[in-house]
């Protein structure tokens, strides 16, 4: 087993927890306190898109063969979602470095971009794992999700009195993926042609 590669993948997942959950959650609360509609809207969109990353973790727990493909698609969509909106980009450009919220948001966006690129590069080093995650050489991609599996299994047993198995994780992941795809298609067909790259964060004073 490639120990350096294994450590690198493990570290990447640990960093992703910080920048995919911890930092945006903190920014979200901070933006509400500052009543910054642009950042609130950006993070609201981010949370909707980032659901796919957590779906991919369920699929990794369930050892779904194409889980790594979903993981990379999720990080790419996340990166696109934080850079896509012209009105939010224009709003953030108006703030200088003295605005700590805006500056932190900008740094966070660049961090997400590099994390996504890192995931893609590491995945390409194990290209066979894109279609067959259950092979021995792909265990490095399944191990980081094992801790999450343990936590979910304990919570599932506590709240529902039932066992959370890999088969259940795979089913929930695929079902959630279907709902996610339907929602994305709806946005592409209905909202994107109407609003384009305008997030409408300030439309009628709404957040």
N, C-alpha and C. Protein backbone atom coordinates (compact mmCIF):
# COMPACT_ATOMS: atom_id res chain seq x y z
N UNK A 1 0.84 -1.20 0.00
CA UNK A 1 0.00 0.00 0.00
C UNK A 1 0.88 1.25 0.00
N UNK A 2 0.48 2.24 -0.78
CA UNK A 2 1.22 3.50 -0.88
C UNK A 2 0.92 4.36 0.34
N UNK A 3 1.82 4.30 1.33
CA UNK A 3 1.60 5.01 2.59
C UNK A 3 1.51 6.52 2.41
N UNK A 4 2.43 7.16 1.66
CA UNK A 4 2.32 8.61 1.46
C UNK A 4 1.00 9.02 0.82
N UNK A 5 0.55 8.23 -0.16
CA UNK A 5 -0.73 8.53 -0.82
C UNK A 5 -1.88 8.36 0.15
N UNK A 6 -1.82 7.34 0.99
CA UNK A 6 -2.86 7.09 1.99
C UNK A 6 -2.94 8.26 2.97
N UNK A 7 -1.80 8.72 3.43
CA UNK A 7 -1.77 9.84 4.38
C UNK A 7 -2.29 11.11 3.71
N UNK A 8 -1.91 11.30 2.46
CA UNK A 8 -2.35 12.48 1.72
C UNK A 8 -3.87 12.52 1.55
N UNK A 9 -4.46 11.37 1.22
CA UNK A 9 -5.92 11.30 1.07
C UNK A 9 -6.61 11.54 2.41
N UNK A 10 -6.06 10.94 3.47
CA UNK A 10 -6.65 11.12 4.80
C UNK A 10 -6.61 12.59 5.21
N UNK A 11 -5.47 13.24 4.99
CA UNK A 11 -5.35 14.67 5.34
C UNK A 11 -6.32 15.51 4.52
N UNK A 12 -6.48 15.17 3.24
CA UNK A 12 -7.39 15.91 2.37
C UNK A 12 -8.82 15.87 2.90
N UNK A 13 -9.24 14.71 3.37
CA UNK A 13 -10.59 14.59 3.93
C UNK A 13 -10.72 15.37 5.23
N UNK A 14 -9.66 15.37 6.05
CA UNK A 14 -9.72 16.12 7.30
C UNK A 14 -9.80 17.62 7.03
N UNK A 15 -9.03 18.08 6.06
CA UNK A 15 -9.07 19.50 5.68
C UNK A 15 -10.43 19.86 5.11
N UNK A 16 -11.00 18.94 4.34
CA UNK A 16 -12.31 19.21 3.74
C UNK A 16 -13.38 19.41 4.81
N UNK A 17 -13.28 18.70 5.93
CA UNK A 17 -14.24 18.88 7.02
C UNK A 17 -14.19 20.31 7.54
N UNK A 18 -12.97 20.84 7.63
CA UNK A 18 -12.80 22.21 8.12
C UNK A 18 -13.38 23.23 7.15
N UNK A 19 -13.02 23.09 5.86
CA UNK A 19 -13.39 24.10 4.88
C UNK A 19 -14.76 23.86 4.23
N UNK A 20 -15.29 22.64 4.34
CA UNK A 20 -16.62 22.36 3.79
C UNK A 20 -17.71 22.50 4.83
N UNK A 21 -17.33 22.45 6.13
CA UNK A 21 -18.34 22.52 7.19
C UNK A 21 -18.03 23.64 8.18
N UNK A 22 -16.87 23.54 8.82
CA UNK A 22 -16.54 24.47 9.90
C UNK A 22 -16.48 25.92 9.48
N UNK A 23 -15.68 26.22 8.45
CA UNK A 23 -15.51 27.61 8.01
C UNK A 23 -16.80 28.20 7.45
N UNK A 24 -17.51 27.52 6.53
CA UNK A 24 -18.74 28.11 6.02
C UNK A 24 -19.83 28.30 7.08
N UNK A 25 -19.88 27.40 8.06
CA UNK A 25 -20.86 27.56 9.14
C UNK A 25 -20.54 28.81 9.95
N UNK A 26 -19.25 29.00 10.24
CA UNK A 26 -18.83 30.20 10.97
C UNK A 26 -19.11 31.46 10.17
N UNK A 27 -18.82 31.42 8.88
CA UNK A 27 -19.08 32.58 8.02
C UNK A 27 -20.57 32.88 7.93
N UNK A 28 -21.38 31.83 7.92
CA UNK A 28 -22.83 32.00 7.83
C UNK A 28 -23.36 32.75 9.05
N UNK A 29 -22.91 32.35 10.24
CA UNK A 29 -23.33 33.03 11.46
C UNK A 29 -22.79 34.45 11.50
N UNK A 30 -21.57 34.61 11.06
CA UNK A 30 -20.92 35.93 11.02
C UNK A 30 -21.68 36.88 10.08
N UNK A 31 -22.06 36.35 8.92
CA UNK A 31 -22.77 37.17 7.94
C UNK A 31 -24.14 37.59 8.46
N UNK A 32 -24.81 36.69 9.18
CA UNK A 32 -26.10 37.05 9.77
C UNK A 32 -25.93 38.16 10.80
N UNK A 33 -24.87 38.07 11.58
CA UNK A 33 -24.62 39.10 12.59
C UNK A 33 -24.35 40.44 11.94
N UNK A 34 -23.61 40.42 10.82
CA UNK A 34 -23.27 41.64 10.11
C UNK A 34 -24.36 42.07 9.12
N UNK A 35 -25.35 41.19 8.93
CA UNK A 35 -26.44 41.43 7.98
C UNK A 35 -25.92 41.69 6.57
N UNK A 36 -24.95 40.90 6.18
CA UNK A 36 -24.36 41.00 4.85
C UNK A 36 -25.12 40.05 3.92
N UNK A 37 -26.04 40.62 3.13
CA UNK A 37 -26.91 39.80 2.30
C UNK A 37 -26.17 39.02 1.23
N UNK A 38 -25.10 39.61 0.68
CA UNK A 38 -24.35 38.94 -0.38
C UNK A 38 -23.71 37.66 0.14
N UNK A 39 -23.05 37.74 1.29
CA UNK A 39 -22.38 36.56 1.86
C UNK A 39 -23.42 35.54 2.32
N UNK A 40 -24.52 36.01 2.89
CA UNK A 40 -25.58 35.09 3.31
C UNK A 40 -26.12 34.31 2.11
N UNK A 41 -26.37 35.03 1.01
CA UNK A 41 -26.88 34.38 -0.19
C UNK A 41 -25.87 33.40 -0.75
N UNK A 42 -24.59 33.80 -0.78
CA UNK A 42 -23.54 32.92 -1.28
C UNK A 42 -23.49 31.63 -0.49
N UNK A 43 -23.56 31.74 0.83
CA UNK A 43 -23.47 30.56 1.68
C UNK A 43 -24.75 29.72 1.64
N UNK A 44 -25.89 30.38 1.43
CA UNK A 44 -27.14 29.63 1.27
C UNK A 44 -27.07 28.74 0.03
N UNK A 45 -26.53 29.30 -1.05
CA UNK A 45 -26.34 28.52 -2.28
C UNK A 45 -25.32 27.42 -2.05
N UNK A 46 -24.25 27.77 -1.35
CA UNK A 46 -23.20 26.79 -1.07
C UNK A 46 -23.75 25.57 -0.35
N UNK A 47 -24.55 25.79 0.71
CA UNK A 47 -25.08 24.66 1.48
C UNK A 47 -25.95 23.75 0.63
N UNK A 48 -26.71 24.35 -0.29
CA UNK A 48 -27.56 23.54 -1.17
C UNK A 48 -26.70 22.66 -2.09
N UNK A 49 -25.65 23.26 -2.65
CA UNK A 49 -24.80 22.52 -3.57
C UNK A 49 -23.94 21.49 -2.85
N UNK A 50 -23.44 21.84 -1.67
CA UNK A 50 -22.51 20.97 -0.96
C UNK A 50 -23.18 19.70 -0.43
N UNK A 51 -24.50 19.64 -0.46
CA UNK A 51 -25.20 18.42 -0.05
C UNK A 51 -24.68 17.22 -0.84
N UNK A 52 -24.30 17.47 -2.10
CA UNK A 52 -23.81 16.37 -2.94
C UNK A 52 -22.53 15.76 -2.37
N UNK A 53 -21.69 16.57 -1.75
CA UNK A 53 -20.47 16.04 -1.14
C UNK A 53 -20.81 15.06 -0.01
N UNK A 54 -21.79 15.41 0.80
CA UNK A 54 -22.19 14.54 1.91
C UNK A 54 -22.90 13.29 1.39
N UNK A 55 -23.59 13.43 0.26
CA UNK A 55 -24.19 12.26 -0.39
C UNK A 55 -23.08 11.31 -0.85
N UNK A 56 -22.01 11.89 -1.38
CA UNK A 56 -20.89 11.06 -1.84
C UNK A 56 -20.23 10.31 -0.69
N UNK A 57 -20.23 10.92 0.51
CA UNK A 57 -19.68 10.23 1.68
C UNK A 57 -20.54 9.02 2.04
N UNK A 58 -21.86 9.16 1.92
CA UNK A 58 -22.75 8.02 2.15
C UNK A 58 -22.46 6.91 1.14
N UNK A 59 -22.22 7.31 -0.10
CA UNK A 59 -21.94 6.32 -1.14
C UNK A 59 -20.59 5.65 -0.93
N UNK A 60 -19.63 6.41 -0.38
CA UNK A 60 -18.34 5.80 -0.03
C UNK A 60 -18.51 4.80 1.11
N UNK A 61 -19.34 5.15 2.09
CA UNK A 61 -19.64 4.22 3.18
C UNK A 61 -20.28 2.95 2.62
N UNK A 62 -21.20 3.13 1.68
CA UNK A 62 -21.88 2.00 1.05
C UNK A 62 -21.06 1.30 0.00
N UNK A 63 -19.82 1.78 -0.23
CA UNK A 63 -18.89 1.20 -1.20
C UNK A 63 -19.52 1.10 -2.58
N UNK A 64 -20.22 2.16 -2.95
CA UNK A 64 -20.77 2.26 -4.30
C UNK A 64 -19.64 2.52 -5.28
N UNK A 65 -19.60 1.77 -6.36
CA UNK A 65 -18.45 1.79 -7.26
C UNK A 65 -18.11 3.17 -7.81
N UNK A 66 -19.12 4.00 -8.05
CA UNK A 66 -18.88 5.30 -8.66
C UNK A 66 -18.91 6.44 -7.63
N UNK A 67 -18.70 6.10 -6.37
CA UNK A 67 -18.75 7.10 -5.32
C UNK A 67 -17.68 8.18 -5.49
N UNK A 68 -16.49 7.76 -5.94
CA UNK A 68 -15.41 8.72 -6.10
C UNK A 68 -15.70 9.71 -7.23
N UNK A 69 -16.41 9.25 -8.23
CA UNK A 69 -16.85 10.15 -9.31
C UNK A 69 -17.76 11.22 -8.74
N UNK A 70 -18.71 10.80 -7.91
CA UNK A 70 -19.65 11.74 -7.29
C UNK A 70 -18.91 12.72 -6.39
N UNK A 71 -17.91 12.25 -5.67
CA UNK A 71 -17.12 13.13 -4.80
C UNK A 71 -16.46 14.24 -5.59
N UNK A 72 -15.85 13.88 -6.71
CA UNK A 72 -15.18 14.88 -7.54
C UNK A 72 -16.17 15.83 -8.21
N UNK A 73 -17.29 15.30 -8.65
CA UNK A 73 -18.32 16.17 -9.24
C UNK A 73 -18.81 17.16 -8.19
N UNK A 74 -18.97 16.69 -6.95
CA UNK A 74 -19.46 17.56 -5.88
C UNK A 74 -18.49 18.69 -5.59
N UNK A 75 -17.19 18.39 -5.54
CA UNK A 75 -16.21 19.45 -5.25
C UNK A 75 -16.12 20.44 -6.40
N UNK A 76 -16.29 19.95 -7.63
CA UNK A 76 -16.28 20.85 -8.79
C UNK A 76 -17.49 21.77 -8.76
N UNK A 77 -18.67 21.21 -8.45
CA UNK A 77 -19.90 22.01 -8.38
C UNK A 77 -19.81 23.03 -7.24
N UNK A 78 -19.21 22.62 -6.13
CA UNK A 78 -19.04 23.53 -5.00
C UNK A 78 -18.19 24.72 -5.41
N UNK A 79 -17.08 24.45 -6.10
CA UNK A 79 -16.21 25.52 -6.55
C UNK A 79 -16.93 26.47 -7.51
N UNK A 80 -17.67 25.89 -8.46
CA UNK A 80 -18.42 26.71 -9.40
C UNK A 80 -19.44 27.58 -8.66
N UNK A 81 -20.10 26.99 -7.66
CA UNK A 81 -21.20 27.69 -6.97
C UNK A 81 -20.72 28.92 -6.20
N UNK A 82 -19.47 28.94 -5.75
CA UNK A 82 -18.99 30.08 -4.97
C UNK A 82 -18.36 31.17 -5.83
N UNK A 83 -18.17 30.88 -7.14
CA UNK A 83 -17.59 31.87 -8.05
C UNK A 83 -18.58 32.32 -9.13
N UNK A 84 -19.69 31.65 -9.28
CA UNK A 84 -20.56 31.78 -10.45
C UNK A 84 -21.33 33.10 -10.51
N UNK A 85 -21.65 33.69 -9.38
CA UNK A 85 -22.64 34.77 -9.33
C UNK A 85 -22.03 36.15 -9.52
N UNK A 86 -22.41 36.81 -10.61
CA UNK A 86 -21.84 38.12 -10.95
C UNK A 86 -22.15 39.18 -9.90
N UNK A 87 -23.40 39.21 -9.42
CA UNK A 87 -23.79 40.25 -8.47
C UNK A 87 -23.07 40.09 -7.13
N UNK A 88 -22.86 38.84 -6.70
CA UNK A 88 -22.13 38.60 -5.46
C UNK A 88 -20.65 38.94 -5.65
N UNK A 89 -20.08 38.55 -6.79
CA UNK A 89 -18.68 38.88 -7.07
C UNK A 89 -18.45 40.39 -7.08
N UNK A 90 -19.37 41.12 -7.72
CA UNK A 90 -19.26 42.58 -7.77
C UNK A 90 -19.36 43.19 -6.37
N UNK A 91 -20.26 42.63 -5.56
CA UNK A 91 -20.43 43.13 -4.19
C UNK A 91 -19.17 42.91 -3.37
N UNK A 92 -18.59 41.72 -3.46
CA UNK A 92 -17.39 41.42 -2.69
C UNK A 92 -16.19 42.25 -3.14
N UNK A 93 -16.14 42.61 -4.42
CA UNK A 93 -15.05 43.43 -4.93
C UNK A 93 -15.06 44.83 -4.33
N UNK A 94 -16.22 45.28 -3.90
CA UNK A 94 -16.33 46.63 -3.34
C UNK A 94 -15.71 46.74 -1.95
N UNK A 95 -15.49 45.60 -1.30
CA UNK A 95 -14.92 45.62 0.04
C UNK A 95 -13.39 45.53 -0.03
N UNK A 96 -12.71 46.30 0.79
CA UNK A 96 -11.25 46.20 0.85
C UNK A 96 -10.86 45.25 1.98
N UNK A 97 -9.57 45.15 2.25
CA UNK A 97 -9.07 44.20 3.25
C UNK A 97 -9.51 44.55 4.67
N UNK A 98 -9.96 45.77 4.88
CA UNK A 98 -10.39 46.16 6.21
C UNK A 98 -11.69 45.49 6.62
N UNK A 99 -12.44 45.00 5.63
CA UNK A 99 -13.67 44.27 5.92
C UNK A 99 -13.32 42.80 6.13
N UNK A 100 -13.23 42.40 7.39
CA UNK A 100 -12.75 41.06 7.71
C UNK A 100 -13.67 39.96 7.21
N UNK A 101 -14.99 40.19 7.21
CA UNK A 101 -15.93 39.18 6.73
C UNK A 101 -15.73 38.92 5.24
N UNK A 102 -15.69 39.98 4.46
CA UNK A 102 -15.51 39.84 3.02
C UNK A 102 -14.16 39.22 2.68
N UNK A 103 -13.12 39.65 3.39
CA UNK A 103 -11.77 39.12 3.14
C UNK A 103 -11.71 37.63 3.47
N UNK A 104 -12.28 37.24 4.59
CA UNK A 104 -12.30 35.82 4.97
C UNK A 104 -13.09 35.00 3.96
N UNK A 105 -14.19 35.56 3.46
CA UNK A 105 -14.99 34.87 2.45
C UNK A 105 -14.19 34.66 1.17
N UNK A 106 -13.44 35.66 0.77
CA UNK A 106 -12.61 35.54 -0.43
C UNK A 106 -11.53 34.47 -0.25
N UNK A 107 -10.89 34.47 0.91
CA UNK A 107 -9.85 33.46 1.19
C UNK A 107 -10.47 32.07 1.20
N UNK A 108 -11.65 31.96 1.78
CA UNK A 108 -12.35 30.67 1.84
C UNK A 108 -12.68 30.17 0.44
N UNK A 109 -13.11 31.05 -0.45
CA UNK A 109 -13.42 30.63 -1.82
C UNK A 109 -12.19 30.09 -2.53
N UNK A 110 -11.05 30.76 -2.36
CA UNK A 110 -9.83 30.27 -2.98
C UNK A 110 -9.41 28.94 -2.37
N UNK A 111 -9.60 28.79 -1.07
CA UNK A 111 -9.25 27.54 -0.39
C UNK A 111 -10.07 26.38 -0.95
N UNK A 112 -11.37 26.60 -1.15
CA UNK A 112 -12.23 25.56 -1.73
C UNK A 112 -11.75 25.17 -3.12
N UNK A 113 -11.32 26.16 -3.88
CA UNK A 113 -10.84 25.90 -5.23
C UNK A 113 -9.62 24.99 -5.21
N UNK A 114 -8.66 25.27 -4.33
CA UNK A 114 -7.45 24.45 -4.25
C UNK A 114 -7.76 23.06 -3.71
N UNK A 115 -8.69 22.97 -2.76
CA UNK A 115 -9.08 21.66 -2.22
C UNK A 115 -9.71 20.80 -3.31
N UNK A 116 -10.58 21.39 -4.11
CA UNK A 116 -11.22 20.67 -5.21
C UNK A 116 -10.19 20.19 -6.22
N UNK A 117 -9.24 21.07 -6.55
CA UNK A 117 -8.18 20.69 -7.49
C UNK A 117 -7.33 19.56 -6.92
N UNK A 118 -7.05 19.63 -5.63
CA UNK A 118 -6.27 18.59 -4.97
C UNK A 118 -6.99 17.25 -4.99
N UNK A 119 -8.31 17.27 -4.73
CA UNK A 119 -9.09 16.04 -4.80
C UNK A 119 -9.02 15.42 -6.18
N UNK A 120 -9.15 16.26 -7.20
CA UNK A 120 -9.13 15.75 -8.57
C UNK A 120 -7.78 15.14 -8.92
N UNK A 121 -6.70 15.81 -8.55
CA UNK A 121 -5.35 15.31 -8.84
C UNK A 121 -5.11 13.99 -8.13
N UNK A 122 -5.49 13.91 -6.85
CA UNK A 122 -5.30 12.67 -6.10
C UNK A 122 -6.15 11.54 -6.68
N UNK A 123 -7.36 11.86 -7.10
CA UNK A 123 -8.24 10.84 -7.67
C UNK A 123 -7.67 10.28 -8.97
N UNK A 124 -7.10 11.17 -9.79
CA UNK A 124 -6.54 10.72 -11.06
C UNK A 124 -5.35 9.80 -10.86
N UNK A 125 -4.70 9.91 -9.71
CA UNK A 125 -3.60 9.00 -9.40
C UNK A 125 -4.10 7.59 -9.12
N UNK A 126 -5.38 7.47 -8.81
CA UNK A 126 -6.03 6.17 -8.61
C UNK A 126 -7.22 6.07 -9.56
N UNK A 127 -6.93 6.21 -10.83
CA UNK A 127 -7.99 6.34 -11.84
C UNK A 127 -8.95 5.16 -11.85
N UNK A 128 -8.45 3.97 -11.56
CA UNK A 128 -9.30 2.78 -11.58
C UNK A 128 -10.40 2.85 -10.53
N UNK A 129 -10.18 3.68 -9.49
CA UNK A 129 -11.16 3.79 -8.41
C UNK A 129 -12.42 4.55 -8.84
N UNK A 130 -12.35 5.20 -9.99
CA UNK A 130 -13.53 5.92 -10.50
C UNK A 130 -14.64 4.95 -10.86
N UNK A 131 -14.29 3.73 -11.22
CA UNK A 131 -15.31 2.78 -11.64
C UNK A 131 -15.36 1.52 -10.77
N UNK A 132 -14.36 1.34 -9.90
CA UNK A 132 -14.36 0.15 -9.05
C UNK A 132 -13.72 0.49 -7.72
N UNK A 133 -14.51 1.08 -6.82
CA UNK A 133 -14.01 1.56 -5.54
C UNK A 133 -13.69 0.42 -4.58
N UNK A 134 -14.19 -0.79 -4.88
CA UNK A 134 -14.03 -1.90 -3.95
C UNK A 134 -12.72 -2.66 -4.12
N UNK A 135 -11.88 -2.24 -5.05
CA UNK A 135 -10.61 -2.94 -5.23
C UNK A 135 -9.66 -2.61 -4.06
N UNK A 136 -8.68 -3.46 -3.87
CA UNK A 136 -7.74 -3.29 -2.76
C UNK A 136 -7.00 -1.96 -2.83
N UNK A 137 -6.65 -1.54 -4.04
CA UNK A 137 -5.89 -0.30 -4.22
C UNK A 137 -6.71 0.93 -3.89
N UNK A 138 -8.03 0.77 -3.75
CA UNK A 138 -8.91 1.92 -3.49
C UNK A 138 -9.32 2.04 -2.02
N UNK A 139 -8.76 1.18 -1.17
CA UNK A 139 -9.11 1.21 0.25
C UNK A 139 -8.79 2.56 0.89
N UNK A 140 -7.79 3.25 0.35
CA UNK A 140 -7.41 4.56 0.90
C UNK A 140 -8.53 5.57 0.79
N UNK A 141 -9.44 5.36 -0.18
CA UNK A 141 -10.56 6.29 -0.34
C UNK A 141 -11.75 5.91 0.53
N UNK A 142 -11.78 4.69 1.00
CA UNK A 142 -12.88 4.23 1.85
C UNK A 142 -12.60 4.45 3.33
N UNK A 143 -11.34 4.43 3.70
CA UNK A 143 -10.97 4.54 5.11
C UNK A 143 -11.38 5.86 5.76
N UNK A 144 -11.23 7.01 5.10
CA UNK A 144 -11.63 8.27 5.75
C UNK A 144 -13.11 8.34 6.11
N UNK A 145 -13.94 7.61 5.37
CA UNK A 145 -15.37 7.64 5.67
C UNK A 145 -15.76 6.66 6.78
N UNK A 146 -14.81 5.84 7.23
CA UNK A 146 -15.11 4.84 8.25
C UNK A 146 -15.49 5.48 9.58
N UNK A 147 -14.83 6.60 9.93
CA UNK A 147 -15.17 7.30 11.18
C UNK A 147 -16.59 7.86 11.12
N UNK A 148 -16.94 8.43 9.96
CA UNK A 148 -18.30 8.94 9.77
C UNK A 148 -19.31 7.80 9.87
N UNK A 149 -18.96 6.65 9.32
CA UNK A 149 -19.83 5.48 9.38
C UNK A 149 -20.09 5.08 10.83
N UNK A 150 -19.06 5.10 11.65
CA UNK A 150 -19.20 4.75 13.06
C UNK A 150 -20.12 5.72 13.78
N UNK A 151 -19.97 7.02 13.50
CA UNK A 151 -20.80 8.05 14.14
C UNK A 151 -22.26 7.90 13.73
N UNK A 152 -22.49 7.75 12.41
CA UNK A 152 -23.86 7.63 11.91
C UNK A 152 -24.52 6.36 12.44
N UNK A 153 -23.74 5.28 12.50
CA UNK A 153 -24.28 4.01 12.99
C UNK A 153 -24.73 4.13 14.44
N UNK A 154 -23.95 4.84 15.26
CA UNK A 154 -24.31 5.04 16.67
C UNK A 154 -25.56 5.92 16.80
N UNK A 155 -25.61 7.01 16.01
CA UNK A 155 -26.77 7.90 16.06
C UNK A 155 -28.02 7.21 15.54
N UNK A 156 -27.87 6.43 14.48
CA UNK A 156 -29.00 5.72 13.89
C UNK A 156 -29.58 4.73 14.89
N UNK A 157 -28.71 4.04 15.59
CA UNK A 157 -29.14 3.07 16.59
C UNK A 157 -29.80 3.76 17.78
N UNK A 158 -29.27 4.94 18.15
CA UNK A 158 -29.79 5.68 19.31
C UNK A 158 -31.20 6.23 19.02
N UNK A 159 -31.38 6.82 17.84
CA UNK A 159 -32.65 7.48 17.52
C UNK A 159 -33.72 6.53 16.99
N UNK A 160 -33.29 5.51 16.24
CA UNK A 160 -34.27 4.63 15.60
C UNK A 160 -34.24 3.20 16.13
N UNK A 161 -33.25 2.88 16.96
CA UNK A 161 -33.16 1.54 17.49
C UNK A 161 -32.90 0.50 16.43
N UNK A 162 -32.23 0.91 15.36
CA UNK A 162 -31.95 0.00 14.26
C UNK A 162 -30.48 0.13 13.85
N UNK A 163 -30.02 -0.86 13.10
CA UNK A 163 -28.64 -0.86 12.67
C UNK A 163 -28.49 -0.12 11.34
N UNK A 164 -27.48 0.71 11.28
CA UNK A 164 -27.16 1.43 10.04
C UNK A 164 -26.06 0.67 9.34
N UNK A 165 -26.40 -0.02 8.27
CA UNK A 165 -25.44 -0.86 7.56
C UNK A 165 -24.94 -0.16 6.30
N UNK A 166 -23.94 -0.76 5.68
CA UNK A 166 -23.42 -0.21 4.44
C UNK A 166 -24.48 -0.25 3.34
N UNK A 167 -25.33 -1.27 3.37
CA UNK A 167 -26.40 -1.37 2.38
C UNK A 167 -27.39 -0.22 2.54
N UNK A 168 -27.70 0.13 3.80
CA UNK A 168 -28.60 1.26 4.07
C UNK A 168 -27.96 2.56 3.61
N UNK A 169 -26.66 2.71 3.87
CA UNK A 169 -25.95 3.91 3.45
C UNK A 169 -25.98 4.05 1.93
N UNK A 170 -25.78 2.95 1.24
CA UNK A 170 -25.80 2.97 -0.23
C UNK A 170 -27.19 3.35 -0.74
N UNK A 171 -28.23 2.76 -0.14
CA UNK A 171 -29.60 3.07 -0.56
C UNK A 171 -29.93 4.54 -0.33
N UNK A 172 -29.61 5.05 0.87
CA UNK A 172 -29.90 6.45 1.19
C UNK A 172 -29.10 7.39 0.29
N UNK A 173 -27.86 7.00 0.00
CA UNK A 173 -27.02 7.81 -0.87
C UNK A 173 -27.57 7.89 -2.28
N UNK A 174 -27.98 6.76 -2.83
CA UNK A 174 -28.52 6.73 -4.20
C UNK A 174 -29.87 7.44 -4.28
N UNK A 175 -30.70 7.26 -3.25
CA UNK A 175 -32.00 7.93 -3.24
C UNK A 175 -31.81 9.45 -3.15
N UNK A 176 -30.91 9.87 -2.28
CA UNK A 176 -30.61 11.30 -2.14
C UNK A 176 -30.02 11.86 -3.42
N UNK A 177 -29.18 11.07 -4.08
CA UNK A 177 -28.57 11.49 -5.34
C UNK A 177 -29.64 11.72 -6.41
N UNK A 178 -30.63 10.86 -6.45
CA UNK A 178 -31.73 11.01 -7.41
C UNK A 178 -32.48 12.31 -7.17
N UNK A 179 -32.82 12.58 -5.90
CA UNK A 179 -33.53 13.82 -5.55
C UNK A 179 -32.67 15.03 -5.91
N UNK A 180 -31.39 14.93 -5.64
CA UNK A 180 -30.46 16.04 -5.93
C UNK A 180 -30.41 16.32 -7.43
N UNK A 181 -30.31 15.27 -8.23
CA UNK A 181 -30.24 15.43 -9.69
C UNK A 181 -31.52 16.07 -10.21
N UNK A 182 -32.67 15.64 -9.71
CA UNK A 182 -33.95 16.21 -10.13
C UNK A 182 -34.01 17.71 -9.80
N UNK A 183 -33.54 18.06 -8.60
CA UNK A 183 -33.52 19.47 -8.21
C UNK A 183 -32.58 20.29 -9.08
N UNK A 184 -31.42 19.71 -9.41
CA UNK A 184 -30.45 20.41 -10.26
C UNK A 184 -30.99 20.61 -11.67
N UNK A 185 -31.65 19.59 -12.19
CA UNK A 185 -32.26 19.70 -13.52
C UNK A 185 -33.33 20.79 -13.54
N UNK A 186 -34.14 20.83 -12.48
CA UNK A 186 -35.18 21.86 -12.37
C UNK A 186 -34.56 23.26 -12.40
N UNK A 187 -33.46 23.43 -11.66
CA UNK A 187 -32.79 24.74 -11.62
C UNK A 187 -32.23 25.10 -13.00
N UNK A 188 -31.63 24.11 -13.68
CA UNK A 188 -31.04 24.36 -14.99
C UNK A 188 -32.09 24.74 -16.03
N UNK A 189 -33.27 24.14 -15.92
CA UNK A 189 -34.33 24.37 -16.90
C UNK A 189 -35.13 25.63 -16.62
N UNK A 190 -35.39 25.90 -15.32
CA UNK A 190 -36.30 26.98 -14.96
C UNK A 190 -35.57 28.24 -14.50
N UNK A 191 -34.71 28.13 -13.51
CA UNK A 191 -34.13 29.32 -12.88
C UNK A 191 -32.92 29.89 -13.64
N UNK A 192 -32.06 29.01 -14.16
CA UNK A 192 -30.87 29.51 -14.85
C UNK A 192 -31.22 30.37 -16.07
N UNK A 193 -32.13 29.92 -16.95
CA UNK A 193 -32.47 30.78 -18.09
C UNK A 193 -33.11 32.10 -17.67
N UNK A 194 -33.80 32.11 -16.54
CA UNK A 194 -34.49 33.32 -16.08
C UNK A 194 -33.53 34.32 -15.43
N UNK A 195 -32.67 33.84 -14.54
CA UNK A 195 -31.81 34.74 -13.76
C UNK A 195 -30.37 34.79 -14.25
N UNK A 196 -29.95 33.79 -15.02
CA UNK A 196 -28.56 33.76 -15.47
C UNK A 196 -27.61 33.68 -14.29
N UNK A 197 -26.57 34.51 -14.31
CA UNK A 197 -25.57 34.49 -13.24
C UNK A 197 -25.87 35.53 -12.16
N UNK A 198 -27.12 35.89 -12.05
CA UNK A 198 -27.56 36.83 -11.02
C UNK A 198 -28.20 36.04 -9.88
N UNK A 199 -27.64 36.15 -8.69
CA UNK A 199 -28.16 35.40 -7.54
C UNK A 199 -29.40 36.04 -6.93
N UNK A 200 -29.64 37.32 -7.33
CA UNK A 200 -30.81 38.08 -6.82
C UNK A 200 -30.76 38.25 -5.30
N UNK A 201 -29.56 38.40 -4.75
CA UNK A 201 -29.46 38.50 -3.29
C UNK A 201 -30.10 39.76 -2.73
N UNK A 202 -30.21 40.81 -3.55
CA UNK A 202 -30.78 42.06 -3.06
C UNK A 202 -32.15 42.38 -3.67
N UNK A 203 -32.71 41.42 -4.41
CA UNK A 203 -33.98 41.66 -5.07
C UNK A 203 -35.11 41.86 -4.06
N UNK A 204 -35.76 43.00 -4.17
CA UNK A 204 -36.89 43.34 -3.26
C UNK A 204 -36.49 43.30 -1.80
N UNK A 205 -35.19 43.46 -1.54
CA UNK A 205 -34.75 43.48 -0.14
C UNK A 205 -34.70 42.13 0.50
N UNK A 206 -34.88 41.06 -0.31
CA UNK A 206 -34.89 39.72 0.29
C UNK A 206 -33.47 39.20 0.36
N UNK A 207 -33.25 38.31 1.32
CA UNK A 207 -31.94 37.66 1.47
C UNK A 207 -31.88 36.49 0.50
